[in-house]
N, C-alpha and C. Protein backbone atom coordinates (compact mmCIF):
# COMPACT_ATOMS: atom_id res chain seq x y z
N MET A 1 -147.42 -274.44 -34.55
CA MET A 1 -147.00 -274.73 -35.84
C MET A 1 -147.16 -272.80 -36.32
N ASP A 2 -148.33 -272.58 -35.77
CA ASP A 2 -148.22 -271.14 -36.23
C ASP A 2 -146.94 -270.46 -35.41
N PHE A 3 -146.07 -270.28 -34.06
CA PHE A 3 -144.92 -270.49 -33.62
C PHE A 3 -143.84 -270.17 -34.55
N TRP A 4 -143.42 -271.56 -34.85
CA TRP A 4 -142.45 -271.92 -35.74
C TRP A 4 -142.12 -270.94 -37.31
N THR A 5 -143.66 -270.82 -37.70
CA THR A 5 -143.75 -270.00 -39.52
C THR A 5 -143.48 -268.63 -37.96
N ALA A 6 -143.77 -268.24 -37.79
CA ALA A 6 -143.74 -266.76 -36.60
C ALA A 6 -141.84 -266.92 -36.71
N ALA A 7 -141.66 -267.24 -36.19
CA ALA A 7 -139.68 -267.66 -35.69
C ALA A 7 -138.74 -267.32 -37.38
N LEU A 8 -139.81 -268.61 -38.47
CA LEU A 8 -138.97 -268.44 -39.22
C LEU A 8 -139.23 -266.61 -40.07
N TRP A 9 -140.44 -266.29 -40.11
CA TRP A 9 -140.64 -264.82 -40.73
C TRP A 9 -140.04 -263.88 -39.79
N THR A 10 -139.45 -263.70 -38.09
CA THR A 10 -138.76 -262.85 -37.47
C THR A 10 -137.16 -263.21 -37.88
N LEU A 11 -137.20 -264.29 -38.27
CA LEU A 11 -135.06 -264.27 -38.18
C LEU A 11 -135.08 -264.36 -39.81
N LEU A 12 -136.39 -264.11 -40.56
CA LEU A 12 -135.13 -264.63 -42.32
C LEU A 12 -135.27 -263.45 -43.00
N PRO A 13 -136.16 -261.91 -42.18
CA PRO A 13 -134.60 -260.75 -42.68
C PRO A 13 -133.43 -260.17 -41.91
N THR A 14 -133.38 -261.10 -40.46
CA THR A 14 -131.84 -260.52 -39.89
C THR A 14 -130.96 -262.39 -41.08
N VAL A 15 -131.25 -263.14 -41.05
CA VAL A 15 -130.27 -263.77 -42.06
C VAL A 15 -130.02 -263.40 -43.00
N LEU A 16 -131.25 -262.77 -44.11
CA LEU A 16 -130.93 -262.25 -45.83
C LEU A 16 -129.87 -260.99 -45.93
N VAL A 17 -130.08 -260.04 -44.51
CA VAL A 17 -129.59 -258.37 -44.46
C VAL A 17 -127.83 -259.48 -44.46
N SER A 18 -127.84 -260.24 -43.09
CA SER A 18 -126.20 -260.73 -42.38
C SER A 18 -125.60 -261.28 -43.80
N LEU A 19 -126.41 -261.99 -45.10
CA LEU A 19 -125.57 -263.15 -46.25
C LEU A 19 -125.77 -261.57 -47.39
N ILE A 20 -126.65 -260.71 -47.43
CA ILE A 20 -126.09 -259.70 -48.14
C ILE A 20 -124.79 -259.11 -47.95
N PHE A 21 -124.61 -259.02 -46.16
CA PHE A 21 -123.59 -257.63 -45.88
C PHE A 21 -122.53 -258.60 -45.82
N PHE A 22 -122.12 -260.08 -45.52
CA PHE A 22 -121.14 -260.98 -45.40
C PHE A 22 -120.90 -260.58 -47.91
N PHE A 23 -121.50 -260.64 -48.50
CA PHE A 23 -120.61 -261.28 -49.64
C PHE A 23 -120.90 -259.95 -50.52
N VAL A 24 -120.82 -258.94 -49.46
CA VAL A 24 -120.30 -257.32 -50.03
C VAL A 24 -118.87 -256.96 -49.41
N LEU A 25 -118.60 -257.13 -48.24
CA LEU A 25 -117.44 -257.69 -47.38
C LEU A 25 -116.54 -258.52 -48.68
N ARG A 26 -116.81 -259.08 -48.74
CA ARG A 26 -116.14 -260.50 -49.53
C ARG A 26 -115.75 -259.89 -51.30
N SER A 27 -116.81 -259.86 -51.50
CA SER A 27 -115.91 -258.27 -52.48
C SER A 27 -115.30 -257.65 -52.34
N ILE A 28 -115.42 -256.76 -51.81
CA ILE A 28 -114.16 -255.57 -50.89
C ILE A 28 -112.94 -256.01 -51.05
N VAL A 29 -112.98 -257.21 -50.31
CA VAL A 29 -111.86 -258.05 -49.36
C VAL A 29 -111.18 -258.24 -51.10
N ARG A 30 -111.76 -258.93 -51.81
CA ARG A 30 -111.28 -259.72 -53.31
C ARG A 30 -111.10 -258.63 -53.68
N ALA A 31 -111.61 -257.88 -53.98
CA ALA A 31 -111.12 -256.59 -54.62
C ALA A 31 -109.29 -255.38 -54.30
N ASP A 32 -109.97 -255.50 -52.95
CA ASP A 32 -108.88 -254.99 -52.47
C ASP A 32 -107.51 -256.05 -52.89
N ARG A 33 -107.55 -257.16 -52.59
CA ARG A 33 -106.52 -258.03 -52.87
C ARG A 33 -105.50 -257.93 -53.99
N THR A 34 -107.19 -258.37 -54.91
CA THR A 34 -106.73 -257.80 -56.56
C THR A 34 -105.94 -257.26 -56.84
N GLU A 35 -106.79 -256.10 -56.60
CA GLU A 35 -105.95 -254.28 -56.94
C GLU A 35 -104.33 -254.44 -56.56
N ARG A 36 -103.99 -254.54 -55.43
CA ARG A 36 -102.80 -254.95 -54.35
C ARG A 36 -101.73 -255.41 -55.36
N ARG A 37 -102.31 -256.62 -55.87
CA ARG A 37 -101.73 -257.87 -56.88
C ARG A 37 -101.04 -257.11 -58.26
N VAL A 38 -102.10 -256.29 -59.16
CA VAL A 38 -101.73 -255.60 -59.78
C VAL A 38 -100.93 -254.92 -60.16
N TYR A 39 -100.71 -253.76 -58.58
CA TYR A 39 -100.01 -252.50 -58.20
C TYR A 39 -98.56 -253.90 -57.93
N ALA A 40 -98.65 -254.61 -57.76
CA ALA A 40 -96.84 -254.62 -57.11
C ALA A 40 -96.27 -255.92 -59.00
N LYS A 41 -97.46 -256.10 -59.95
CA LYS A 41 -96.64 -255.76 -60.43
C LYS A 41 -96.63 -254.73 -61.53
N VAL A 42 -97.44 -254.60 -61.81
CA VAL A 42 -96.83 -253.54 -62.57
C VAL A 42 -95.78 -252.59 -62.01
N ASP A 43 -95.62 -252.43 -61.05
CA ASP A 43 -94.56 -252.07 -59.72
C ASP A 43 -93.31 -252.55 -60.13
N ALA A 44 -93.48 -254.05 -59.69
CA ALA A 44 -92.16 -254.94 -60.49
C ALA A 44 -91.35 -254.73 -61.89
N GLU A 45 -92.44 -254.43 -63.07
CA GLU A 45 -92.71 -254.64 -64.37
C GLU A 45 -91.49 -252.64 -64.87
N GLU A 46 -91.71 -251.87 -63.92
CA GLU A 46 -91.45 -250.79 -63.86
C GLU A 46 -90.00 -250.96 -63.29
N ARG A 47 -89.76 -251.50 -62.21
CA ARG A 47 -88.56 -250.70 -62.14
C ARG A 47 -87.66 -252.01 -62.59
N ALA A 48 -87.96 -252.99 -63.09
CA ALA A 48 -87.01 -253.76 -63.80
C ALA A 48 -86.90 -252.82 -65.00
N LYS A 49 -87.93 -252.16 -66.11
CA LYS A 49 -87.05 -251.54 -67.37
C LYS A 49 -86.48 -250.44 -66.64
N ARG A 50 -86.43 -249.77 -64.77
CA ARG A 50 -85.50 -248.76 -65.37
C ARG A 50 -84.41 -249.18 -64.83
N GLY A 51 -84.02 -250.75 -65.04
CA GLY A 51 -82.87 -251.05 -64.09
C GLY A 51 -82.96 -251.11 -62.59
N LEU A 52 -83.87 -251.36 -61.52
CA LEU A 52 -83.39 -251.33 -60.52
C LEU A 52 -84.11 -251.87 -59.59
N PRO A 53 -83.13 -252.83 -58.51
CA PRO A 53 -83.61 -253.90 -58.23
C PRO A 53 -85.01 -254.60 -57.61
N PRO A 54 -85.25 -254.82 -57.71
CA PRO A 54 -86.82 -255.90 -57.17
C PRO A 54 -86.92 -255.04 -55.59
N ARG A 55 -88.57 -254.34 -55.30
CA ARG A 55 -88.41 -253.82 -53.84
C ARG A 55 -88.65 -255.49 -52.61
N ALA A 56 -87.87 -254.85 -51.50
CA ALA A 56 -88.05 -256.51 -51.00
C ALA A 56 -89.25 -256.56 -50.87
N ALA A 57 -89.78 -257.60 -50.37
CA ALA A 57 -91.18 -258.04 -50.21
C ALA A 57 -91.61 -257.51 -48.29
N ALA A 58 -92.86 -257.38 -48.50
CA ALA A 58 -92.43 -257.04 -47.36
C ALA A 58 -92.98 -258.70 -45.85
N SER A 59 -92.49 -258.02 -44.99
CA SER A 59 -92.53 -259.45 -44.22
C SER A 59 -93.00 -258.95 -42.88
N GLY A 60 -93.87 -260.32 -42.88
CA GLY A 60 -95.32 -260.68 -41.55
C GLY A 60 -94.07 -260.22 -40.15
N PRO A 61 -95.39 -260.19 -39.58
CA PRO A 61 -94.84 -260.54 -37.96
C PRO A 61 -93.93 -261.01 -37.74
N SER A 62 -92.65 -260.89 -37.36
CA SER A 62 -91.53 -261.63 -36.58
C SER A 62 -92.04 -262.52 -35.44
N ASP A 63 -91.10 -264.27 -35.94
CA ASP A 63 -91.08 -264.67 -34.72
C ASP A 63 -90.34 -265.05 -33.54
N SER A 64 -89.78 -263.63 -33.50
CA SER A 64 -88.44 -263.34 -32.24
C SER A 64 -89.62 -262.32 -30.87
C-alpha cells in the first residue's frame, strides 16, 4: 500500500500543474477568439456607417 501512496503523491503535483496550465491556455485562446469576433463586428459596423463594402472574409487554406 505504501508504494501506491508514494506513486500518487509523486504524480499529483505534475497533474495539478498540467491542469492549471491547460485552463490558463484555454482561457487565453477563448479571450483571443472573443476579441477577434468583437473587433470584426465593430469593423463591419464602422464600414457600414461610412458606406464601404463589407470586408472580404479571410479564406482558409485552399483545397487545390
